[in-house]
């Protein structure tokens, strides 16, 4: 269960708290694909950082299966939440497989020669993204879309109950976006993962999401939990006055 209680998203400037949204209370059940939507500058990335424990909330708490993410140590947090960010890292002299492997360091006592013991998990994560053929390619030689898929495979290999994905479709072409959304929906259904993702491609995202959190103006937000309603939603209508 992914849960927020009286959560206030925002930041502190000097000694002054700036609340962007909230308070929010929600519970997301396993196997749910959640779209986080909102205009540019609405605070989606800030909320993602707070949900992942990388930034403290102005108020309230976030928990996964009863563990308070804001109070958890780094290793515990890494066992509960994996994240895909909007920027692509520069990783020279590193293969795609090694990038994926880097998310499994918490399972190791030393780096040493242990990667072979994790071949099955690494190959499975690459296969889930359709990237197994790229395992031995140098990461920096890949296209931006291919790099994005490798970073998503990395998050999968981390083996967490919750995945947070900030604009995972950003570097993909239209067929790639459709394929990735279908894969994400399958991951939720087949593994019970909770995936929260942001996207500006609402026409496609609304067809796949099980639920939507819409960040609105004046600290307001709105949930929609009915997938059938989401599929019939006009994206332009989400931002009308």
C-alpha atoms as a PDB file:
ATOM      1  CA  UNK A   1       0.000   0.000   0.000  1.00  0.00           C
ATOM      2  CA  UNK A   2       1.277   3.468  -0.975  1.00  0.00           C
ATOM      3  CA  UNK A   3      -0.217   5.974   1.424  1.00  0.00           C
ATOM      4  CA  UNK A   4      -0.152   9.718   2.052  1.00  0.00           C
ATOM      5  CA  UNK A   5      -1.553  11.354   5.178  1.00  0.00           C
ATOM      6  CA  UNK A   6      -2.132  15.116   5.388  1.00  0.00           C
ATOM      7  CA  UNK A   7       0.625  15.484   2.800  1.00  0.00           C
ATOM      8  CA  UNK A   8       1.570  19.026   1.835  1.00  0.00           C
ATOM      9  CA  UNK A   9       3.756  19.267  -1.255  1.00  0.00           C
ATOM     10  CA  UNK A  10       6.045  22.244  -1.672  1.00  0.00           C
ATOM     11  CA  UNK A  11       9.314  23.657  -0.411  1.00  0.00           C
ATOM     12  CA  UNK A  12      10.807  25.909   2.219  1.00  0.00           C
ATOM     13  CA  UNK A  13      12.302  29.246   1.130  1.00  0.00           C
ATOM     14  CA  UNK A  14      14.443  30.585   3.933  1.00  0.00           C
ATOM     15  CA  UNK A  15      12.274  29.856   6.954  1.00  0.00           C
ATOM     16  CA  UNK A  16       9.033  30.270   5.043  1.00  0.00           C
ATOM     17  CA  UNK A  17       7.124  27.163   3.882  1.00  0.00           C
ATOM     18  CA  UNK A  18       5.600  27.391   0.413  1.00  0.00           C
ATOM     19  CA  UNK A  19       2.780  24.872  -0.051  1.00  0.00           C
ATOM     20  CA  UNK A  20       2.008  24.019  -3.669  1.00  0.00           C
ATOM     21  CA  UNK A  21      -0.648  21.369  -3.043  1.00  0.00           C
ATOM     22  CA  UNK A  22      -2.395  19.736  -0.152  1.00  0.00           C
ATOM     23  CA  UNK A  23      -3.132  18.557   2.328  1.00  0.00           C
ATOM     24  CA  UNK A  24      -3.589  15.239   0.492  1.00  0.00           C
ATOM     25  CA  UNK A  25      -4.788  11.908   1.828  1.00  0.00           C
ATOM     26  CA  UNK A  26      -4.735   8.828  -0.396  1.00  0.00           C
ATOM     27  CA  UNK A  27      -4.122   5.095  -0.478  1.00  0.00           C
ATOM     28  CA  UNK A  28      -2.952   3.384  -3.663  1.00  0.00           C
ATOM     29  CA  UNK A  29      -3.398  -0.371  -3.818  1.00  0.00           C
ATOM     30  CA  UNK A  30      -0.899  -2.796  -5.389  1.00  0.00           C
ATOM     31  CA  UNK A  31      -1.260  -3.266  -9.137  1.00  0.00           C
ATOM     32  CA  UNK A  32      -2.381   0.325  -9.810  1.00  0.00           C
ATOM     33  CA  UNK A  33      -1.045   2.526 -12.626  1.00  0.00           C
ATOM     34  CA  UNK A  34      -1.461   6.180 -11.602  1.00  0.00           C
ATOM     35  CA  UNK A  35      -1.114   9.169 -13.929  1.00  0.00           C
ATOM     36  CA  UNK A  36       0.135  12.380 -12.321  1.00  0.00           C
ATOM     37  CA  UNK A  37      -1.109  15.258 -14.489  1.00  0.00           C
ATOM     38  CA  UNK A  38      -0.910  19.036 -14.399  1.00  0.00           C
ATOM     39  CA  UNK A  39       0.222  22.080 -16.318  1.00  0.00           C
ATOM     40  CA  UNK A  40       3.895  23.012 -16.667  1.00  0.00           C
ATOM     41  CA  UNK A  41       5.065  24.361 -13.329  1.00  0.00           C
ATOM     42  CA  UNK A  42       2.195  22.751 -11.437  1.00  0.00           C
ATOM     43  CA  UNK A  43       4.601  20.963  -9.085  1.00  0.00           C
ATOM     44  CA  UNK A  44       4.606  17.426 -10.492  1.00  0.00           C
ATOM     45  CA  UNK A  45       8.367  16.946 -10.178  1.00  0.00           C
ATOM     46  CA  UNK A  46       8.349  18.413  -6.664  1.00  0.00           C
ATOM     47  CA  UNK A  47       5.635  15.975  -5.629  1.00  0.00           C
ATOM     48  CA  UNK A  48       7.569  13.089  -7.213  1.00  0.00           C
ATOM     49  CA  UNK A  49      10.663  14.031  -5.204  1.00  0.00           C
ATOM     50  CA  UNK A  50       8.601  14.123  -1.996  1.00  0.00           C
ATOM     51  CA  UNK A  51       6.841  10.816  -2.720  1.00  0.00           C
ATOM     52  CA  UNK A  52      10.252   9.223  -3.257  1.00  0.00           C
ATOM     53  CA  UNK A  53      11.731  10.598  -0.051  1.00  0.00           C
ATOM     54  CA  UNK A  54      14.303  12.774  -1.850  1.00  0.00           C
ATOM     55  CA  UNK A  55      12.714  15.976  -0.540  1.00  0.00           C
ATOM     56  CA  UNK A  56      10.929  16.581   2.722  1.00  0.00           C
ATOM     57  CA  UNK A  57       7.250  17.498   2.556  1.00  0.00           C
ATOM     58  CA  UNK A  58       6.074  20.776   4.035  1.00  0.00           C
ATOM     59  CA  UNK A  59       3.730  18.686   6.137  1.00  0.00           C
ATOM     60  CA  UNK A  60       2.324  15.193   6.500  1.00  0.00           C
ATOM     61  CA  UNK A  61       3.847  11.859   5.567  1.00  0.00           C
ATOM     62  CA  UNK A  62       4.264   9.224   2.842  1.00  0.00           C
ATOM     63  CA  UNK A  63       4.505   5.511   3.600  1.00  0.00           C
ATOM     64  CA  UNK A  64       4.942   2.233   1.736  1.00  0.00           C
ATOM     65  CA  UNK A  65       3.574  -0.859   3.442  1.00  0.00           C
ATOM     66  CA  UNK A  66       3.617   0.971   6.768  1.00  0.00           C
ATOM     67  CA  UNK A  67       7.160   2.378   6.508  1.00  0.00           C
ATOM     68  CA  UNK A  68       7.417   6.165   6.696  1.00  0.00           C
ATOM     69  CA  UNK A  69       9.503   7.102   3.643  1.00  0.00           C
ATOM     70  CA  UNK A  70      10.568  10.436   5.106  1.00  0.00           C
ATOM     71  CA  UNK A  71      12.077   8.715   8.149  1.00  0.00           C
ATOM     72  CA  UNK A  72      13.527   5.672   6.364  1.00  0.00           C
ATOM     73  CA  UNK A  73      17.264   5.294   5.797  1.00  0.00           C
ATOM     74  CA  UNK A  74      18.636   5.153   2.259  1.00  0.00           C
ATOM     75  CA  UNK A  75      18.825   1.359   2.057  1.00  0.00           C
ATOM     76  CA  UNK A  76      15.276   0.881   3.326  1.00  0.00           C
ATOM     77  CA  UNK A  77      13.956   3.509   0.932  1.00  0.00           C
ATOM     78  CA  UNK A  78      15.778   1.835  -1.967  1.00  0.00           C
ATOM     79  CA  UNK A  79      14.043  -1.434  -1.126  1.00  0.00           C
ATOM     80  CA  UNK A  80      10.604   0.217  -1.319  1.00  0.00           C
ATOM     81  CA  UNK A  81      10.726   2.851  -4.074  1.00  0.00           C
ATOM     82  CA  UNK A  82      12.594   3.065  -7.383  1.00  0.00           C
ATOM     83  CA  UNK A  83      12.629   6.220  -9.471  1.00  0.00           C
ATOM     84  CA  UNK A  84      13.090   7.278 -13.088  1.00  0.00           C
ATOM     85  CA  UNK A  85      14.019  10.927 -13.482  1.00  0.00           C
ATOM     86  CA  UNK A  86      13.483  13.429 -16.290  1.00  0.00           C
ATOM     87  CA  UNK A  87      17.197  13.775 -17.084  1.00  0.00           C
ATOM     88  CA  UNK A  88      19.409  11.110 -18.632  1.00  0.00           C
ATOM     89  CA  UNK A  89      22.775  10.517 -16.913  1.00  0.00           C
ATOM     90  CA  UNK A  90      26.152  10.686 -18.615  1.00  0.00           C
ATOM     91  CA  UNK A  91      27.762   7.291 -18.002  1.00  0.00           C
ATOM     92  CA  UNK A  92      30.867   6.812 -20.186  1.00  0.00           C
ATOM     93  CA  UNK A  93      32.631   3.460 -20.446  1.00  0.00           C
ATOM     94  CA  UNK A  94      29.591   1.710 -19.004  1.00  0.00           C
ATOM     95  CA  UNK A  95      27.476  -0.911 -20.730  1.00  0.00           C
ATOM     96  CA  UNK A  96      23.688  -0.861 -20.620  1.00  0.00           C
ATOM     97  CA  UNK A  97      23.771  -4.023 -18.512  1.00  0.00           C
ATOM     98  CA  UNK A  98      26.101  -2.376 -15.990  1.00  0.00           C
ATOM     99  CA  UNK A  99      23.764   0.617 -15.723  1.00  0.00           C
ATOM    100  CA  UNK A 100      20.884  -1.735 -14.912  1.00  0.00           C
ATOM    101  CA  UNK A 101      23.078  -3.652 -12.459  1.00  0.00           C
ATOM    102  CA  UNK A 102      23.877  -0.471 -10.500  1.00  0.00           C
ATOM    103  CA  UNK A 103      20.355  -0.515  -9.038  1.00  0.00           C
ATOM    104  CA  UNK A 104      21.008  -3.854  -7.303  1.00  0.00           C
ATOM    105  CA  UNK A 105      23.950  -2.780  -5.158  1.00  0.00           C
ATOM    106  CA  UNK A 106      21.922  -3.170  -1.973  1.00  0.00           C
ATOM    107  CA  UNK A 107      21.876  -6.930  -2.635  1.00  0.00           C
ATOM    108  CA  UNK A 108      25.699  -7.115  -2.629  1.00  0.00           C
ATOM    109  CA  UNK A 109      28.348  -7.020   0.054  1.00  0.00           C
ATOM    110  CA  UNK A 110      30.985  -5.945  -2.508  1.00  0.00           C
ATOM    111  CA  UNK A 111      30.913  -5.054  -6.217  1.00  0.00           C
ATOM    112  CA  UNK A 112      33.660  -7.597  -6.974  1.00  0.00           C
ATOM    113  CA  UNK A 113      32.557 -10.189  -9.569  1.00  0.00           C
ATOM    114  CA  UNK A 114      28.995 -10.640  -8.371  1.00  0.00           C
ATOM    115  CA  UNK A 115      27.215  -9.335 -11.464  1.00  0.00           C
ATOM    116  CA  UNK A 116      27.028 -12.860 -12.949  1.00  0.00           C
ATOM    117  CA  UNK A 117      24.931 -13.971  -9.966  1.00  0.00           C
ATOM    118  CA  UNK A 118      22.337 -11.392 -10.978  1.00  0.00           C
ATOM    119  CA  UNK A 119      22.263 -12.197 -14.699  1.00  0.00           C
ATOM    120  CA  UNK A 120      18.739 -13.607 -14.516  1.00  0.00           C
ATOM    121  CA  UNK A 121      17.315 -10.484 -12.835  1.00  0.00           C
ATOM    122  CA  UNK A 122      19.204  -8.157 -15.172  1.00  0.00           C
ATOM    123  CA  UNK A 123      18.109 -10.025 -18.298  1.00  0.00           C
ATOM    124  CA  UNK A 124      14.515 -10.110 -17.067  1.00  0.00           C
ATOM    125  CA  UNK A 125      14.492  -6.338 -16.483  1.00  0.00           C
ATOM    126  CA  UNK A 126      15.953  -5.713 -19.940  1.00  0.00           C
ATOM    127  CA  UNK A 127      13.438  -8.087 -21.518  1.00  0.00           C
ATOM    128  CA  UNK A 128      10.558  -6.329 -19.767  1.00  0.00           C
ATOM    129  CA  UNK A 129      11.607  -3.165 -21.631  1.00  0.00           C
ATOM    130  CA  UNK A 130      12.424  -4.948 -24.902  1.00  0.00           C
ATOM    131  CA  UNK A 131      16.111  -4.047 -24.518  1.00  0.00           C
ATOM    132  CA  UNK A 132      17.854  -7.394 -24.042  1.00  0.00           C
ATOM    133  CA  UNK A 133      19.677  -7.008 -27.385  1.00  0.00           C
ATOM    134  CA  UNK A 134      21.313  -3.819 -26.072  1.00  0.00           C
ATOM    135  CA  UNK A 135      22.790  -5.345 -22.899  1.00  0.00           C
ATOM    136  CA  UNK A 136      26.431  -5.112 -24.016  1.00  0.00           C
ATOM    137  CA  UNK A 137      26.160  -1.785 -25.848  1.00  0.00           C
ATOM    138  CA  UNK A 138      27.925   1.240 -24.383  1.00  0.00           C
ATOM    139  CA  UNK A 139      25.269   3.340 -22.673  1.00  0.00           C
ATOM    140  CA  UNK A 140      26.553   6.629 -24.111  1.00  0.00           C
ATOM    141  CA  UNK A 141      26.262   5.313 -27.683  1.00  0.00           C
ATOM    142  CA  UNK A 142      22.507   4.750 -27.355  1.00  0.00           C
ATOM    143  CA  UNK A 143      19.810   7.134 -28.553  1.00  0.00           C
ATOM    144  CA  UNK A 144      17.917   9.138 -25.936  1.00  0.00           C
ATOM    145  CA  UNK A 145      14.910   6.846 -26.322  1.00  0.00           C
ATOM    146  CA  UNK A 146      17.063   3.754 -25.847  1.00  0.00           C
ATOM    147  CA  UNK A 147      18.752   5.307 -22.808  1.00  0.00           C
ATOM    148  CA  UNK A 148      15.334   6.034 -21.319  1.00  0.00           C
ATOM    149  CA  UNK A 149      14.318   2.394 -21.670  1.00  0.00           C
ATOM    150  CA  UNK A 150      17.563   1.301 -19.992  1.00  0.00           C
ATOM    151  CA  UNK A 151      16.871   3.641 -17.062  1.00  0.00           C
ATOM    152  CA  UNK A 152      13.382   2.166 -16.746  1.00  0.00           C
ATOM    153  CA  UNK A 153      14.909  -1.336 -16.818  1.00  0.00           C
ATOM    154  CA  UNK A 154      17.259  -0.178 -14.060  1.00  0.00           C
ATOM    155  CA  UNK A 155      14.286   0.828 -11.919  1.00  0.00           C
ATOM    156  CA  UNK A 156      12.632  -2.536 -12.575  1.00  0.00           C
ATOM    157  CA  UNK A 157      15.777  -4.417 -11.564  1.00  0.00           C
ATOM    158  CA  UNK A 158      15.742  -2.575  -8.243  1.00  0.00           C
ATOM    159  CA  UNK A 159      12.764  -4.807  -7.421  1.00  0.00           C
ATOM    160  CA  UNK A 160      10.582  -2.445  -5.380  1.00  0.00           C
ATOM    161  CA  UNK A 161       6.822  -2.448  -4.745  1.00  0.00           C
ATOM    162  CA  UNK A 162       6.548   1.200  -5.891  1.00  0.00           C
ATOM    163  CA  UNK A 163       7.980   2.862  -9.002  1.00  0.00           C
ATOM    164  CA  UNK A 164       7.925   6.637  -9.544  1.00  0.00           C
ATOM    165  CA  UNK A 165       8.501   7.726 -13.142  1.00  0.00           C
ATOM    166  CA  UNK A 166       8.846  11.416 -14.006  1.00  0.00           C
ATOM    167  CA  UNK A 167       8.043  11.811 -17.725  1.00  0.00           C
ATOM    168  CA  UNK A 168       9.052   8.252 -18.752  1.00  0.00           C
ATOM    169  CA  UNK A 169       7.639   8.810 -22.263  1.00  0.00           C
ATOM    170  CA  UNK A 170       9.569  12.028 -22.923  1.00  0.00           C
ATOM    171  CA  UNK A 171      12.306  10.619 -25.187  1.00  0.00           C
ATOM    172  CA  UNK A 172      10.192   8.016 -26.976  1.00  0.00           C
ATOM    173  CA  UNK A 173       8.548   8.267 -30.383  1.00  0.00           C
ATOM    174  CA  UNK A 174       4.814   7.690 -30.783  1.00  0.00           C
ATOM    175  CA  UNK A 175       5.005   3.883 -31.262  1.00  0.00           C
ATOM    176  CA  UNK A 176       7.487   3.724 -28.397  1.00  0.00           C
ATOM    177  CA  UNK A 177       5.169   5.647 -26.080  1.00  0.00           C
ATOM    178  CA  UNK A 178       2.247   3.365 -26.878  1.00  0.00           C
ATOM    179  CA  UNK A 179       4.396   0.290 -26.312  1.00  0.00           C
ATOM    180  CA  UNK A 180       5.852   1.582 -23.028  1.00  0.00           C
ATOM    181  CA  UNK A 181       2.414   2.414 -21.606  1.00  0.00           C
ATOM    182  CA  UNK A 182       1.198  -1.083 -22.490  1.00  0.00           C
ATOM    183  CA  UNK A 183       4.249  -2.556 -20.769  1.00  0.00           C
ATOM    184  CA  UNK A 184       3.732  -0.411 -17.671  1.00  0.00           C
ATOM    185  CA  UNK A 185       0.124  -1.529 -17.403  1.00  0.00           C
ATOM    186  CA  UNK A 186       1.205  -5.171 -17.735  1.00  0.00           C
ATOM    187  CA  UNK A 187       3.864  -4.757 -15.034  1.00  0.00           C
ATOM    188  CA  UNK A 188       1.229  -3.494 -12.619  1.00  0.00           C
ATOM    189  CA  UNK A 189      -1.195  -6.294 -13.471  1.00  0.00           C
ATOM    190  CA  UNK A 190       1.367  -9.115 -13.469  1.00  0.00           C
ATOM    191  CA  UNK A 191       3.682  -8.113 -10.600  1.00  0.00           C
ATOM    192  CA  UNK A 192       1.404  -6.021  -8.376  1.00  0.00           C
ATOM    193  CA  UNK A 193       3.705  -3.015  -8.620  1.00  0.00           C
ATOM    194  CA  UNK A 194       2.330   0.448  -7.978  1.00  0.00           C
ATOM    195  CA  UNK A 195       3.530   2.830 -10.702  1.00  0.00           C
ATOM    196  CA  UNK A 196       3.027   6.578 -10.480  1.00  0.00           C
ATOM    197  CA  UNK A 197       4.075   8.391 -13.661  1.00  0.00           C
ATOM    198  CA  UNK A 198       3.810  11.920 -14.964  1.00  0.00           C
ATOM    199  CA  UNK A 199       3.189  12.726 -18.611  1.00  0.00           C
ATOM    200  CA  UNK A 200       2.135  15.554 -20.881  1.00  0.00           C
ATOM    201  CA  UNK A 201       0.974  13.042 -23.500  1.00  0.00           C
ATOM    202  CA  UNK A 202      -2.459  12.861 -21.922  1.00  0.00           C
ATOM    203  CA  UNK A 203      -4.236  11.456 -24.986  1.00  0.00           C
ATOM    204  CA  UNK A 204      -2.256   8.228 -24.630  1.00  0.00           C
ATOM    205  CA  UNK A 205      -1.757   8.224 -20.859  1.00  0.00           C
ATOM    206  CA  UNK A 206      -5.466   8.507 -20.077  1.00  0.00           C
ATOM    207  CA  UNK A 207      -6.154   5.369 -22.105  1.00  0.00           C
ATOM    208  CA  UNK A 208      -3.840   3.282 -19.920  1.00  0.00           C
ATOM    209  CA  UNK A 209      -4.018   4.714 -16.405  1.00  0.00           C
ATOM    210  CA  UNK A 210      -6.107   3.084 -13.675  1.00  0.00           C
ATOM    211  CA  UNK A 211      -6.276   6.351 -11.738  1.00  0.00           C
ATOM    212  CA  UNK A 212      -5.248  10.000 -12.081  1.00  0.00           C
ATOM    213  CA  UNK A 213      -4.047  12.662  -9.675  1.00  0.00           C
ATOM    214  CA  UNK A 214      -4.548  16.079 -11.277  1.00  0.00           C
ATOM    215  CA  UNK A 215      -2.625  18.988  -9.756  1.00  0.00           C
ATOM    216  CA  UNK A 216      -4.648  22.179 -10.103  1.00  0.00           C
ATOM    217  CA  UNK A 217      -4.171  25.839  -9.226  1.00  0.00           C
ATOM    218  CA  UNK A 218      -4.536  27.383  -5.778  1.00  0.00           C
ATOM    219  CA  UNK A 219      -3.213  24.287  -3.974  1.00  0.00           C
ATOM    220  CA  UNK A 220      -6.106  22.209  -5.278  1.00  0.00           C
ATOM    221  CA  UNK A 221      -5.924  18.640  -6.582  1.00  0.00           C
ATOM    222  CA  UNK A 222      -8.393  16.090  -7.870  1.00  0.00           C
ATOM    223  CA  UNK A 223      -8.380  12.292  -7.974  1.00  0.00           C
ATOM    224  CA  UNK A 224     -10.157  10.101 -10.476  1.00  0.00           C
ATOM    225  CA  UNK A 225     -10.220   6.382  -9.676  1.00  0.00           C
ATOM    226  CA  UNK A 226     -12.480   5.138 -12.484  1.00  0.00           C
ATOM    227  CA  UNK A 227     -10.441   3.945 -15.486  1.00  0.00           C
ATOM    228  CA  UNK A 228     -13.484   3.984 -17.756  1.00  0.00           C
ATOM    229  CA  UNK A 229     -14.068   7.661 -17.010  1.00  0.00           C
ATOM    230  CA  UNK A 230     -10.391   8.409 -17.699  1.00  0.00           C
ATOM    231  CA  UNK A 231     -10.575   6.719 -21.094  1.00  0.00           C
ATOM    232  CA  UNK A 232     -13.492   8.992 -22.049  1.00  0.00           C
ATOM    233  CA  UNK A 233     -11.874  12.172 -20.683  1.00  0.00           C
ATOM    234  CA  UNK A 234     -11.031  15.012 -23.050  1.00  0.00           C
ATOM    235  CA  UNK A 235      -7.501  16.109 -22.034  1.00  0.00           C
ATOM    236  CA  UNK A 236      -8.227  19.746 -22.886  1.00  0.00           C
ATOM    237  CA  UNK A 237     -11.127  19.681 -20.439  1.00  0.00           C
ATOM    238  CA  UNK A 238      -8.783  18.911 -17.541  1.00  0.00           C
ATOM    239  CA  UNK A 239      -7.386  22.430 -17.658  1.00  0.00           C
ATOM    240  CA  UNK A 240     -10.511  24.405 -18.430  1.00  0.00           C
ATOM    241  CA  UNK A 241     -11.669  26.943 -15.886  1.00  0.00           C
END
